[in-house]
Amino acid sequence: MNFTQTLDKLIDGWCERRAIRPLQCLLRAYPGPLAHTDQKHQLLEALRDVKGLCRSDLTEDELRTLIELTNTLEDLLHGAVV
């Protein structure tokens, strides 16, 4: 999975539907460089907020994609700590 491409696709869909709440949650941490661990943690927090606070604004496919992105990022960060 191309992480940034997948995020961009979600954002494009939300823009087309004018789904403001998920955009508001995610855009505080993305787009931006994901070079440092703290930036990745901020993105992970934003993804969790979208899942938790904006469920009614998401399609089932978007929710599945968010879960996959969150799990991938959690695995990446966990691997970075070990």
N, C-alpha and C. Protein backbone atom coordinates (compact mmCIF):
# COMPACT_ATOMS: atom_id res chain seq x y z
N MET A 1 0.85 -1.18 0.00
CA MET A 1 0.00 0.00 0.00
C MET A 1 0.89 1.24 0.00
N ASN A 2 0.58 2.15 -0.89
CA ASN A 2 1.27 3.44 -0.92
C ASN A 2 0.53 4.36 0.07
N PHE A 3 1.18 4.63 1.20
CA PHE A 3 0.55 5.33 2.30
C PHE A 3 0.04 6.71 1.90
N THR A 4 0.90 7.52 1.30
CA THR A 4 0.49 8.89 0.96
C THR A 4 -0.54 8.90 -0.16
N GLN A 5 -0.40 8.01 -1.11
CA GLN A 5 -1.38 7.93 -2.20
C GLN A 5 -2.76 7.56 -1.66
N THR A 6 -2.80 6.65 -0.71
CA THR A 6 -4.07 6.23 -0.10
C THR A 6 -4.69 7.39 0.68
N LEU A 7 -3.87 8.10 1.44
CA LEU A 7 -4.39 9.27 2.17
C LEU A 7 -4.92 10.33 1.21
N ASP A 8 -4.19 10.57 0.14
CA ASP A 8 -4.63 11.56 -0.85
C ASP A 8 -5.96 11.17 -1.48
N LYS A 9 -6.15 9.89 -1.73
CA LYS A 9 -7.41 9.40 -2.30
C LYS A 9 -8.57 9.64 -1.32
N LEU A 10 -8.34 9.37 -0.04
CA LEU A 10 -9.37 9.64 0.96
C LEU A 10 -9.72 11.13 0.99
N ILE A 11 -8.70 11.96 1.01
CA ILE A 11 -8.92 13.41 1.06
C ILE A 11 -9.69 13.88 -0.17
N ASP A 12 -9.33 13.37 -1.35
CA ASP A 12 -10.05 13.74 -2.57
C ASP A 12 -11.53 13.39 -2.47
N GLY A 13 -11.82 12.20 -1.96
CA GLY A 13 -13.21 11.78 -1.79
C GLY A 13 -13.96 12.67 -0.82
N TRP A 14 -13.31 13.01 0.28
CA TRP A 14 -13.97 13.88 1.27
C TRP A 14 -14.20 15.27 0.71
N CYS A 15 -13.25 15.76 -0.08
CA CYS A 15 -13.43 17.07 -0.70
C CYS A 15 -14.61 17.05 -1.67
N GLU A 16 -14.70 16.00 -2.47
CA GLU A 16 -15.80 15.89 -3.42
C GLU A 16 -17.16 15.87 -2.72
N ARG A 17 -17.23 15.19 -1.58
CA ARG A 17 -18.48 15.09 -0.82
C ARG A 17 -18.67 16.24 0.17
N ARG A 18 -17.64 17.06 0.28
CA ARG A 18 -17.65 18.15 1.26
C ARG A 18 -17.81 17.62 2.68
N ALA A 19 -17.10 16.56 2.96
CA ALA A 19 -17.08 15.96 4.29
C ALA A 19 -16.04 16.71 5.12
N ILE A 20 -16.48 17.75 5.76
CA ILE A 20 -15.58 18.69 6.44
C ILE A 20 -14.94 18.09 7.70
N ARG A 21 -15.71 17.37 8.48
CA ARG A 21 -15.18 16.86 9.76
C ARG A 21 -13.97 15.96 9.60
N PRO A 22 -14.01 14.95 8.71
CA PRO A 22 -12.80 14.14 8.56
C PRO A 22 -11.61 14.95 8.03
N LEU A 23 -11.90 15.88 7.12
CA LEU A 23 -10.83 16.74 6.61
C LEU A 23 -10.20 17.56 7.73
N GLN A 24 -11.04 18.11 8.58
CA GLN A 24 -10.55 18.93 9.69
C GLN A 24 -9.63 18.12 10.61
N CYS A 25 -10.03 16.90 10.89
CA CYS A 25 -9.21 16.06 11.77
C CYS A 25 -7.88 15.67 11.13
N LEU A 26 -7.93 15.28 9.87
CA LEU A 26 -6.73 14.76 9.23
C LEU A 26 -5.76 15.85 8.81
N LEU A 27 -6.25 16.98 8.33
CA LEU A 27 -5.37 18.00 7.78
C LEU A 27 -4.54 18.73 8.82
N ARG A 28 -4.80 18.51 10.09
CA ARG A 28 -3.93 19.12 11.10
C ARG A 28 -2.57 18.41 11.15
N ALA A 29 -2.53 17.17 10.62
CA ALA A 29 -1.28 16.42 10.64
C ALA A 29 -0.77 16.04 9.25
N TYR A 30 -1.58 16.28 8.24
CA TYR A 30 -1.21 15.87 6.89
C TYR A 30 -1.88 16.83 5.93
N PRO A 31 -1.32 17.28 4.84
CA PRO A 31 -0.03 16.84 4.32
C PRO A 31 1.12 17.53 5.02
N GLY A 32 2.17 16.90 5.00
CA GLY A 32 3.38 17.41 5.58
C GLY A 32 4.43 16.33 5.54
N PRO A 33 5.62 16.67 5.89
CA PRO A 33 6.66 15.65 5.86
C PRO A 33 6.42 14.62 6.96
N LEU A 34 6.67 13.39 6.64
CA LEU A 34 6.55 12.32 7.64
C LEU A 34 7.92 11.72 7.90
N ALA A 35 8.89 12.60 8.06
CA ALA A 35 10.28 12.18 8.20
C ALA A 35 10.63 11.80 9.64
N HIS A 36 9.92 12.37 10.59
CA HIS A 36 10.28 12.16 11.99
C HIS A 36 9.19 11.36 12.71
N THR A 37 9.60 10.64 13.71
CA THR A 37 8.68 9.79 14.46
C THR A 37 7.54 10.59 15.08
N ASP A 38 7.83 11.78 15.61
CA ASP A 38 6.77 12.57 16.22
C ASP A 38 5.72 12.99 15.20
N GLN A 39 6.12 13.24 13.96
CA GLN A 39 5.16 13.59 12.90
C GLN A 39 4.28 12.38 12.57
N LYS A 40 4.86 11.21 12.59
CA LYS A 40 4.09 9.99 12.35
C LYS A 40 3.11 9.74 13.49
N HIS A 41 3.51 10.03 14.72
CA HIS A 41 2.60 9.89 15.86
C HIS A 41 1.45 10.89 15.75
N GLN A 42 1.71 12.10 15.30
CA GLN A 42 0.65 13.09 15.10
C GLN A 42 -0.33 12.62 14.03
N LEU A 43 0.19 12.04 12.97
CA LEU A 43 -0.69 11.51 11.93
C LEU A 43 -1.51 10.34 12.46
N LEU A 44 -0.90 9.47 13.23
CA LEU A 44 -1.63 8.35 13.82
C LEU A 44 -2.77 8.85 14.71
N GLU A 45 -2.50 9.86 15.51
CA GLU A 45 -3.53 10.45 16.36
C GLU A 45 -4.66 11.04 15.51
N ALA A 46 -4.32 11.70 14.43
CA ALA A 46 -5.33 12.29 13.54
C ALA A 46 -6.17 11.19 12.88
N LEU A 47 -5.53 10.11 12.44
CA LEU A 47 -6.28 8.99 11.85
C LEU A 47 -7.25 8.38 12.86
N ARG A 48 -6.78 8.24 14.09
CA ARG A 48 -7.66 7.70 15.15
C ARG A 48 -8.83 8.64 15.41
N ASP A 49 -8.58 9.93 15.38
CA ASP A 49 -9.66 10.89 15.58
C ASP A 49 -10.69 10.81 14.46
N VAL A 50 -10.23 10.66 13.23
CA VAL A 50 -11.17 10.52 12.11
C VAL A 50 -12.04 9.29 12.34
N LYS A 51 -11.41 8.17 12.69
CA LYS A 51 -12.17 6.94 12.92
C LYS A 51 -13.15 7.08 14.07
N GLY A 52 -12.73 7.73 15.13
CA GLY A 52 -13.57 7.82 16.33
C GLY A 52 -14.61 8.92 16.30
N LEU A 53 -14.25 10.05 15.75
CA LEU A 53 -15.13 11.22 15.81
C LEU A 53 -15.97 11.45 14.56
N CYS A 54 -15.60 10.80 13.47
CA CYS A 54 -16.23 11.12 12.18
C CYS A 54 -16.85 9.89 11.51
N ARG A 55 -17.14 8.87 12.26
CA ARG A 55 -17.66 7.63 11.65
C ARG A 55 -18.89 7.86 10.79
N SER A 56 -19.76 8.74 11.22
CA SER A 56 -20.99 8.97 10.46
C SER A 56 -20.71 9.67 9.12
N ASP A 57 -19.52 10.23 8.96
CA ASP A 57 -19.14 10.91 7.72
C ASP A 57 -18.37 10.01 6.76
N LEU A 58 -18.13 8.76 7.16
CA LEU A 58 -17.30 7.85 6.38
C LEU A 58 -18.13 6.76 5.72
N THR A 59 -17.71 6.37 4.53
CA THR A 59 -18.30 5.20 3.90
C THR A 59 -17.64 3.96 4.52
N GLU A 60 -18.22 2.80 4.27
CA GLU A 60 -17.63 1.57 4.79
C GLU A 60 -16.24 1.34 4.22
N ASP A 61 -16.06 1.63 2.94
CA ASP A 61 -14.74 1.47 2.32
C ASP A 61 -13.72 2.42 2.94
N GLU A 62 -14.12 3.65 3.20
CA GLU A 62 -13.22 4.62 3.82
C GLU A 62 -12.84 4.16 5.22
N LEU A 63 -13.79 3.65 5.97
CA LEU A 63 -13.50 3.17 7.32
C LEU A 63 -12.51 2.00 7.26
N ARG A 64 -12.72 1.07 6.34
CA ARG A 64 -11.79 -0.05 6.19
C ARG A 64 -10.39 0.46 5.82
N THR A 65 -10.34 1.43 4.94
CA THR A 65 -9.05 2.00 4.55
C THR A 65 -8.38 2.68 5.73
N LEU A 66 -9.14 3.42 6.51
CA LEU A 66 -8.57 4.08 7.70
C LEU A 66 -8.04 3.07 8.70
N ILE A 67 -8.76 1.99 8.89
CA ILE A 67 -8.31 0.94 9.81
C ILE A 67 -6.99 0.35 9.31
N GLU A 68 -6.92 0.09 8.01
CA GLU A 68 -5.70 -0.46 7.43
C GLU A 68 -4.53 0.52 7.55
N LEU A 69 -4.78 1.79 7.27
CA LEU A 69 -3.73 2.81 7.41
C LEU A 69 -3.27 2.92 8.86
N THR A 70 -4.21 2.93 9.78
CA THR A 70 -3.87 3.03 11.20
C THR A 70 -3.03 1.84 11.64
N ASN A 71 -3.46 0.65 11.25
CA ASN A 71 -2.71 -0.55 11.63
C ASN A 71 -1.30 -0.54 11.04
N THR A 72 -1.18 -0.12 9.78
CA THR A 72 0.12 -0.04 9.13
C THR A 72 1.04 0.93 9.85
N LEU A 73 0.50 2.10 10.18
CA LEU A 73 1.31 3.11 10.86
C LEU A 73 1.67 2.66 12.27
N GLU A 74 0.74 2.03 12.97
CA GLU A 74 1.05 1.50 14.31
C GLU A 74 2.17 0.47 14.23
N ASP A 75 2.10 -0.43 13.25
CA ASP A 75 3.14 -1.44 13.08
C ASP A 75 4.48 -0.79 12.78
N LEU A 76 4.47 0.21 11.93
CA LEU A 76 5.69 0.94 11.59
C LEU A 76 6.30 1.59 12.83
N LEU A 77 5.48 2.25 13.61
CA LEU A 77 5.97 2.94 14.80
C LEU A 77 6.41 1.96 15.88
N HIS A 78 5.69 0.87 16.01
CA HIS A 78 6.08 -0.13 16.99
C HIS A 78 7.41 -0.75 16.61
N GLY A 79 7.59 -0.98 15.33
CA GLY A 79 8.85 -1.54 14.85
C GLY A 79 10.00 -0.57 15.05
N ALA A 80 9.73 0.72 14.98
CA ALA A 80 10.76 1.74 15.17
C ALA A 80 11.23 1.80 16.61
N VAL A 81 10.35 1.42 17.56
CA VAL A 81 10.68 1.50 18.98
C VAL A 81 11.51 0.30 19.39
N VAL A 82 11.22 -0.86 18.84
CA VAL A 82 11.88 -2.10 19.25
C VAL A 82 13.33 -2.12 18.89
